[in-house]
């Protein structure tokens, strides 16, 4: 039963990692399209709004990746796995904190 649980959590973890990569890929495509259209006269989207959209997508992807890491080490982790998860979780949480802080700083000035 433990092997089944481990396999399920590993598969869900990989699916979550793929989902976060898809989110970032879509966000990059949106940035490229919106940025190229922002140079046209009468553009409806500003460069700040493009940054906010991309930053929000990256924040969601970071949260998904953190969840994937937790799932990957959820079943019978070693102390080494726990240490790596703690380091990765700390780095991703700090990155997400500063990204969200930057987005909150930019949002009021763009509206």
Protein backbone atom coordinates (compact mmCIF):
# COMPACT_ATOMS: atom_id res chain seq x y z
CA UNK A 1 0.00 0.00 0.00
CA UNK A 2 2.88 2.37 0.78
CA UNK A 3 4.28 1.80 -2.70
CA UNK A 4 0.95 2.73 -4.29
CA UNK A 5 0.74 5.90 -2.20
CA UNK A 6 4.31 6.80 -3.14
CA UNK A 7 3.62 6.25 -6.84
CA UNK A 8 0.44 8.36 -6.73
CA UNK A 9 2.13 11.26 -4.95
CA UNK A 10 5.11 11.16 -7.31
CA UNK A 11 2.78 11.19 -10.34
CA UNK A 12 0.72 14.07 -8.92
CA UNK A 13 3.96 15.91 -8.14
CA UNK A 14 5.17 15.51 -11.73
CA UNK A 15 1.79 16.61 -13.08
CA UNK A 16 1.95 19.70 -10.87
CA UNK A 17 5.44 20.53 -12.14
CA UNK A 18 4.24 20.18 -15.72
CA UNK A 19 1.25 22.41 -14.96
CA UNK A 20 3.51 25.12 -13.56
CA UNK A 21 5.73 24.91 -16.66
CA UNK A 22 2.63 25.28 -18.85
CA UNK A 23 1.51 28.32 -16.84
CA UNK A 24 4.89 29.98 -17.29
CA UNK A 25 4.96 29.07 -20.99
CA UNK A 26 1.53 30.60 -21.56
CA UNK A 27 2.56 33.67 -19.55
CA UNK A 28 5.66 34.13 -21.74
CA UNK A 29 3.58 33.90 -24.91
CA UNK A 30 1.11 36.45 -23.49
CA UNK A 31 3.98 38.79 -22.60
CA UNK A 32 5.41 38.57 -26.10
CA UNK A 33 2.04 39.21 -27.73
CA UNK A 34 0.98 41.99 -25.38
CA UNK A 35 4.38 43.66 -25.51
CA UNK A 36 4.41 43.66 -29.31
CA UNK A 37 0.89 45.15 -29.37
CA UNK A 38 1.76 47.77 -26.74
CA UNK A 39 3.74 49.77 -29.33
CA UNK A 40 0.69 50.34 -31.52
CA UNK A 41 -1.09 53.68 -31.19
CA UNK A 42 -4.07 53.44 -28.86
CA UNK A 43 -2.78 50.31 -27.15
CA UNK A 44 -5.12 49.11 -24.43
CA UNK A 45 -2.45 47.50 -22.26
CA UNK A 46 0.47 49.21 -20.58
CA UNK A 47 3.90 47.75 -19.96
CA UNK A 48 3.21 47.85 -16.21
CA UNK A 49 0.06 45.79 -16.71
CA UNK A 50 2.08 43.27 -18.72
CA UNK A 51 4.56 43.03 -15.82
CA UNK A 52 1.73 42.51 -13.34
CA UNK A 53 0.18 39.74 -15.43
CA UNK A 54 3.50 37.96 -15.87
CA UNK A 55 4.45 38.37 -12.21
CA UNK A 56 1.12 36.96 -11.11
CA UNK A 57 1.62 33.93 -13.34
CA UNK A 58 5.11 33.36 -11.97
CA UNK A 59 3.78 33.63 -8.40
CA UNK A 60 1.16 30.96 -9.10
CA UNK A 61 3.79 28.74 -10.73
CA UNK A 62 6.11 29.12 -7.70
CA UNK A 63 3.29 28.08 -5.38
CA UNK A 64 2.54 25.05 -7.54
CA UNK A 65 6.21 24.07 -7.59
CA UNK A 66 6.38 24.32 -3.82
CA UNK A 67 3.35 22.03 -3.57
CA UNK A 68 4.97 19.59 -6.00
CA UNK A 69 8.11 19.50 -3.85
CA UNK A 70 6.08 18.81 -0.73
CA UNK A 71 4.25 15.98 -2.50
CA UNK A 72 7.50 14.50 -3.80
CA UNK A 73 8.86 14.15 -0.27
CA UNK A 74 5.57 13.29 1.46
CA UNK A 75 5.95 9.51 1.49
CA UNK A 76 8.83 8.09 3.56
CA UNK A 77 11.28 10.98 3.19
CA UNK A 78 14.88 10.73 4.31
CA UNK A 79 16.52 13.46 6.40
CA UNK A 80 18.38 14.55 3.28
CA UNK A 81 15.05 14.91 1.41
CA UNK A 82 13.60 16.94 4.28
CA UNK A 83 16.65 19.24 4.33
CA UNK A 84 16.45 19.79 0.59
CA UNK A 85 12.72 20.49 0.82
CA UNK A 86 13.33 23.02 3.60
CA UNK A 87 15.96 24.83 1.53
CA UNK A 88 13.83 24.82 -1.62
CA UNK A 89 10.71 25.88 0.29
CA UNK A 90 12.59 28.75 1.90
CA UNK A 91 14.00 30.00 -1.41
CA UNK A 92 10.66 29.75 -3.23
CA UNK A 93 8.76 31.36 -0.37
CA UNK A 94 11.21 34.29 -0.23
CA UNK A 95 11.03 34.71 -4.01
CA UNK A 96 7.24 34.63 -3.91
CA UNK A 97 7.13 37.10 -1.01
CA UNK A 98 9.25 39.67 -2.81
CA UNK A 99 7.40 39.11 -6.09
CA UNK A 100 4.04 39.68 -4.39
CA UNK A 101 5.45 42.74 -2.63
CA UNK A 102 6.63 44.16 -5.95
CA UNK A 103 3.26 43.45 -7.56
CA UNK A 104 1.42 45.22 -4.71
CA UNK A 105 3.77 48.18 -5.14
CA UNK A 106 3.16 48.37 -8.90
CA UNK A 107 -0.62 47.80 -8.92
CA UNK A 108 -1.75 51.07 -7.28
CA UNK A 109 0.36 53.22 -9.58
CA UNK A 110 -0.94 51.53 -12.75
CA UNK A 111 -4.61 52.24 -12.00
